[in-house]
Amino acid sequence: MVSVKLTVETEHLQKYLGVQEIGERLCVSKWKGPLHIGCLFHHGDHIESINGFRPGTKDLFLQMLSSSIASEVTLVLTRNKKAAVFHLEGCSCGDS
């Protein structure tokens, strides 16, 4: 497991990111962002924080996104390096 820090446009997370609560964890379940952003997320990435705050639940995470006045937010994730990448159709990220 590794820690990953990403800065992503708030609007893109609202539109293209899917999350699920699994036990006490908030996990990435879908990423269908625009091709120019790239393949940012891996299956099962754990969302540890958004702008330094631990979201805890899916509802709180979505509320934090919708109430953010910043155009970008910073996510800290815990990632299994062996987990599959959410590839976008037509990507050229090199992990395909």
N, C-alpha and C. Protein backbone atom coordinates (compact mmCIF):
# COMPACT_ATOMS: atom_id res chain seq x y z
N MET A 1 0.84 -1.18 0.00
CA MET A 1 0.00 0.00 0.00
C MET A 1 0.89 1.24 0.00
N VAL A 2 0.49 2.21 -0.80
CA VAL A 2 1.22 3.47 -0.87
C VAL A 2 0.25 4.63 -0.70
N SER A 3 0.77 5.75 -0.25
CA SER A 3 -0.03 6.96 -0.12
C SER A 3 0.14 7.79 -1.39
N VAL A 4 -0.98 8.28 -1.91
CA VAL A 4 -0.99 9.06 -3.15
C VAL A 4 -1.75 10.35 -2.90
N LYS A 5 -1.18 11.46 -3.37
CA LYS A 5 -1.84 12.76 -3.23
C LYS A 5 -2.20 13.27 -4.63
N LEU A 6 -3.48 13.57 -4.84
CA LEU A 6 -3.96 14.04 -6.13
C LEU A 6 -4.68 15.37 -5.96
N THR A 7 -4.47 16.28 -6.89
CA THR A 7 -5.25 17.51 -6.94
C THR A 7 -6.10 17.43 -8.21
N VAL A 8 -7.43 17.50 -8.01
CA VAL A 8 -8.37 17.28 -9.10
C VAL A 8 -9.44 18.37 -9.06
N GLU A 9 -9.92 18.75 -10.23
CA GLU A 9 -11.00 19.73 -10.29
C GLU A 9 -12.23 19.18 -9.58
N THR A 10 -12.82 19.99 -8.73
CA THR A 10 -13.99 19.60 -7.95
C THR A 10 -15.11 19.11 -8.86
N GLU A 11 -15.35 19.83 -9.94
CA GLU A 11 -16.42 19.48 -10.88
C GLU A 11 -16.20 18.09 -11.48
N HIS A 12 -14.96 17.73 -11.77
CA HIS A 12 -14.68 16.42 -12.34
C HIS A 12 -14.98 15.31 -11.34
N LEU A 13 -14.65 15.54 -10.09
CA LEU A 13 -14.96 14.53 -9.07
C LEU A 13 -16.47 14.38 -8.91
N GLN A 14 -17.19 15.49 -8.94
CA GLN A 14 -18.65 15.44 -8.80
C GLN A 14 -19.29 14.69 -9.96
N LYS A 15 -18.76 14.86 -11.16
CA LYS A 15 -19.37 14.27 -12.36
C LYS A 15 -18.92 12.84 -12.63
N TYR A 16 -17.65 12.52 -12.37
CA TYR A 16 -17.07 11.30 -12.91
C TYR A 16 -16.59 10.27 -11.90
N LEU A 17 -16.57 10.61 -10.63
CA LEU A 17 -16.03 9.69 -9.62
C LEU A 17 -17.17 8.99 -8.88
N GLY A 18 -17.03 7.67 -8.73
CA GLY A 18 -17.96 6.90 -7.93
C GLY A 18 -17.25 6.40 -6.68
N VAL A 19 -17.92 6.47 -5.53
CA VAL A 19 -17.35 5.98 -4.28
C VAL A 19 -18.35 5.08 -3.57
N GLN A 20 -17.82 4.16 -2.77
CA GLN A 20 -18.63 3.25 -1.97
C GLN A 20 -18.04 3.17 -0.58
N GLU A 21 -18.91 3.01 0.40
CA GLU A 21 -18.46 2.73 1.76
C GLU A 21 -18.30 1.23 1.89
N ILE A 22 -17.11 0.81 2.26
CA ILE A 22 -16.83 -0.61 2.50
C ILE A 22 -16.25 -0.70 3.89
N GLY A 23 -17.07 -1.21 4.81
CA GLY A 23 -16.67 -1.22 6.21
C GLY A 23 -16.49 0.21 6.68
N GLU A 24 -15.33 0.49 7.21
CA GLU A 24 -15.03 1.85 7.71
C GLU A 24 -14.29 2.68 6.67
N ARG A 25 -14.19 2.16 5.45
CA ARG A 25 -13.41 2.83 4.40
C ARG A 25 -14.31 3.42 3.33
N LEU A 26 -13.85 4.50 2.74
CA LEU A 26 -14.49 5.10 1.58
C LEU A 26 -13.60 4.76 0.38
N CYS A 27 -14.14 3.99 -0.55
CA CYS A 27 -13.33 3.46 -1.65
C CYS A 27 -13.82 3.94 -3.01
N VAL A 28 -12.88 4.13 -3.93
CA VAL A 28 -13.21 4.51 -5.30
C VAL A 28 -13.79 3.28 -6.00
N SER A 29 -14.97 3.46 -6.60
CA SER A 29 -15.62 2.36 -7.31
C SER A 29 -15.78 2.63 -8.80
N LYS A 30 -15.52 3.88 -9.23
CA LYS A 30 -15.68 4.22 -10.64
C LYS A 30 -14.92 5.51 -10.94
N TRP A 31 -14.33 5.56 -12.12
CA TRP A 31 -13.73 6.80 -12.64
C TRP A 31 -13.95 6.81 -14.14
N LYS A 32 -14.71 7.78 -14.62
CA LYS A 32 -15.02 7.92 -16.05
C LYS A 32 -14.75 9.35 -16.50
N GLY A 33 -13.63 9.89 -16.05
CA GLY A 33 -13.30 11.28 -16.35
C GLY A 33 -12.92 11.50 -17.80
N PRO A 34 -12.77 12.77 -18.18
CA PRO A 34 -12.36 13.10 -19.54
C PRO A 34 -10.96 12.55 -19.85
N LEU A 35 -10.77 12.19 -21.09
CA LEU A 35 -9.51 11.57 -21.51
C LEU A 35 -8.30 12.45 -21.21
N HIS A 36 -8.43 13.77 -21.34
CA HIS A 36 -7.28 14.66 -21.12
C HIS A 36 -6.83 14.67 -19.66
N ILE A 37 -7.69 14.25 -18.73
CA ILE A 37 -7.31 14.18 -17.31
C ILE A 37 -6.48 12.93 -17.06
N GLY A 38 -6.87 11.85 -17.70
CA GLY A 38 -6.11 10.61 -17.57
C GLY A 38 -6.72 9.62 -16.59
N CYS A 39 -6.01 8.54 -16.42
CA CYS A 39 -6.42 7.41 -15.59
C CYS A 39 -5.88 7.63 -14.17
N LEU A 40 -6.57 8.44 -13.40
CA LEU A 40 -6.07 8.89 -12.10
C LEU A 40 -6.23 7.87 -10.98
N PHE A 41 -7.27 7.04 -11.06
CA PHE A 41 -7.63 6.20 -9.92
C PHE A 41 -7.46 4.72 -10.23
N HIS A 42 -7.22 3.97 -9.16
CA HIS A 42 -7.14 2.51 -9.22
C HIS A 42 -8.35 1.93 -8.50
N HIS A 43 -8.75 0.73 -8.90
CA HIS A 43 -9.86 0.05 -8.24
C HIS A 43 -9.57 -0.06 -6.74
N GLY A 44 -10.52 0.38 -5.93
CA GLY A 44 -10.40 0.23 -4.48
C GLY A 44 -9.53 1.25 -3.78
N ASP A 45 -9.07 2.29 -4.47
CA ASP A 45 -8.33 3.35 -3.76
C ASP A 45 -9.13 3.78 -2.54
N HIS A 46 -8.48 3.89 -1.39
CA HIS A 46 -9.14 4.35 -0.17
C HIS A 46 -8.97 5.86 -0.07
N ILE A 47 -10.05 6.59 0.08
CA ILE A 47 -9.98 8.04 0.24
C ILE A 47 -9.75 8.34 1.71
N GLU A 48 -8.55 8.81 2.02
CA GLU A 48 -8.18 9.11 3.41
C GLU A 48 -8.59 10.53 3.80
N SER A 49 -8.44 11.48 2.86
CA SER A 49 -8.82 12.86 3.19
C SER A 49 -9.12 13.65 1.93
N ILE A 50 -9.90 14.70 2.13
CA ILE A 50 -10.20 15.68 1.09
C ILE A 50 -9.88 17.04 1.70
N ASN A 51 -8.92 17.72 1.11
CA ASN A 51 -8.45 19.02 1.64
C ASN A 51 -8.10 18.94 3.12
N GLY A 52 -7.49 17.83 3.52
CA GLY A 52 -7.02 17.67 4.89
C GLY A 52 -8.04 17.15 5.88
N PHE A 53 -9.27 16.92 5.45
CA PHE A 53 -10.32 16.43 6.35
C PHE A 53 -10.72 15.02 5.96
N ARG A 54 -10.88 14.16 6.96
CA ARG A 54 -11.29 12.78 6.72
C ARG A 54 -12.81 12.74 6.52
N PRO A 55 -13.28 12.29 5.34
CA PRO A 55 -14.71 12.33 5.08
C PRO A 55 -15.54 11.29 5.85
N GLY A 56 -15.00 10.12 6.11
CA GLY A 56 -15.72 9.12 6.90
C GLY A 56 -16.84 8.40 6.19
N THR A 57 -17.77 9.13 5.58
CA THR A 57 -18.90 8.50 4.89
C THR A 57 -19.03 9.06 3.48
N LYS A 58 -19.74 8.31 2.65
CA LYS A 58 -19.98 8.76 1.28
C LYS A 58 -20.77 10.06 1.28
N ASP A 59 -21.79 10.15 2.13
CA ASP A 59 -22.61 11.36 2.19
C ASP A 59 -21.78 12.58 2.57
N LEU A 60 -20.90 12.43 3.54
CA LEU A 60 -20.06 13.54 3.96
C LEU A 60 -19.08 13.93 2.85
N PHE A 61 -18.51 12.94 2.17
CA PHE A 61 -17.60 13.20 1.05
C PHE A 61 -18.32 14.01 -0.03
N LEU A 62 -19.52 13.58 -0.42
CA LEU A 62 -20.27 14.28 -1.45
C LEU A 62 -20.67 15.69 -1.00
N GLN A 63 -20.98 15.83 0.28
CA GLN A 63 -21.31 17.15 0.83
C GLN A 63 -20.09 18.06 0.79
N MET A 64 -18.92 17.52 1.11
CA MET A 64 -17.69 18.31 1.08
C MET A 64 -17.39 18.78 -0.34
N LEU A 65 -17.63 17.91 -1.32
CA LEU A 65 -17.42 18.30 -2.72
C LEU A 65 -18.39 19.40 -3.13
N SER A 66 -19.65 19.23 -2.80
CA SER A 66 -20.66 20.19 -3.24
C SER A 66 -20.52 21.54 -2.54
N SER A 67 -19.97 21.57 -1.34
CA SER A 67 -19.83 22.84 -0.62
C SER A 67 -18.47 23.50 -0.81
N SER A 68 -17.58 22.84 -1.55
CA SER A 68 -16.25 23.41 -1.79
C SER A 68 -16.36 24.63 -2.69
N ILE A 69 -15.73 25.72 -2.28
CA ILE A 69 -15.73 26.92 -3.10
C ILE A 69 -14.49 26.96 -4.01
N ALA A 70 -13.56 26.06 -3.76
CA ALA A 70 -12.34 25.99 -4.58
C ALA A 70 -12.63 25.21 -5.86
N SER A 71 -11.95 25.57 -6.93
CA SER A 71 -12.14 24.86 -8.19
C SER A 71 -11.44 23.50 -8.18
N GLU A 72 -10.49 23.33 -7.27
CA GLU A 72 -9.77 22.06 -7.14
C GLU A 72 -9.75 21.63 -5.69
N VAL A 73 -9.70 20.31 -5.49
CA VAL A 73 -9.53 19.76 -4.15
C VAL A 73 -8.35 18.80 -4.17
N THR A 74 -7.77 18.59 -3.01
CA THR A 74 -6.67 17.66 -2.87
C THR A 74 -7.16 16.43 -2.12
N LEU A 75 -6.95 15.28 -2.74
CA LEU A 75 -7.31 14.01 -2.13
C LEU A 75 -6.04 13.29 -1.72
N VAL A 76 -6.07 12.66 -0.56
CA VAL A 76 -5.01 11.74 -0.16
C VAL A 76 -5.64 10.36 -0.17
N LEU A 77 -5.00 9.46 -0.92
CA LEU A 77 -5.50 8.11 -1.10
C LEU A 77 -4.50 7.10 -0.56
N THR A 78 -5.00 5.96 -0.15
CA THR A 78 -4.14 4.80 0.09
C THR A 78 -4.44 3.83 -1.04
N ARG A 79 -3.38 3.40 -1.73
CA ARG A 79 -3.54 2.60 -2.94
C ARG A 79 -2.76 1.31 -2.84
N ASN A 80 -3.39 0.24 -3.30
CA ASN A 80 -2.70 -1.03 -3.49
C ASN A 80 -2.03 -0.94 -4.85
N LYS A 81 -0.71 -0.98 -4.89
CA LYS A 81 0.03 -0.82 -6.14
C LYS A 81 -0.32 -1.89 -7.17
N LYS A 82 -0.83 -3.03 -6.72
CA LYS A 82 -1.18 -4.12 -7.63
C LYS A 82 -2.61 -4.03 -8.14
N ALA A 83 -3.39 -3.08 -7.65
CA ALA A 83 -4.78 -2.93 -8.07
C ALA A 83 -4.85 -2.43 -9.51
N ALA A 84 -5.89 -2.87 -10.21
CA ALA A 84 -6.10 -2.46 -11.60
C ALA A 84 -6.45 -0.97 -11.67
N VAL A 85 -6.01 -0.36 -12.75
CA VAL A 85 -6.28 1.05 -13.01
C VAL A 85 -7.66 1.18 -13.66
N PHE A 86 -8.40 2.23 -13.33
CA PHE A 86 -9.63 2.56 -14.06
C PHE A 86 -9.19 3.24 -15.35
N HIS A 87 -9.04 2.46 -16.42
CA HIS A 87 -8.60 3.02 -17.69
C HIS A 87 -9.76 3.68 -18.42
N LEU A 88 -9.46 4.76 -19.07
CA LEU A 88 -10.43 5.46 -19.90
C LEU A 88 -10.29 4.94 -21.32
N GLU A 89 -11.39 4.86 -22.03
CA GLU A 89 -11.35 4.38 -23.41
C GLU A 89 -10.47 5.31 -24.25
N GLY A 90 -9.48 4.72 -24.92
CA GLY A 90 -8.58 5.50 -25.75
C GLY A 90 -7.39 6.10 -25.02
N CYS A 91 -7.19 5.71 -23.76
CA CYS A 91 -6.08 6.30 -23.00
C CYS A 91 -4.74 5.83 -23.53
N SER A 92 -3.72 6.60 -23.22
CA SER A 92 -2.36 6.23 -23.60
C SER A 92 -1.46 6.38 -22.38
N CYS A 93 -1.98 6.01 -21.21
CA CYS A 93 -1.24 6.23 -19.97
C CYS A 93 -0.08 5.26 -19.79
N GLY A 94 -0.02 4.21 -20.60
CA GLY A 94 1.09 3.28 -20.49
C GLY A 94 0.86 2.14 -19.53
N ASP A 95 -0.22 2.19 -18.75
CA ASP A 95 -0.54 1.10 -17.82
C ASP A 95 -1.56 0.15 -18.41
N SER A 96 -1.96 0.36 -19.66
CA SER A 96 -3.00 -0.47 -20.28
C SER A 96 -2.52 -1.89 -20.47
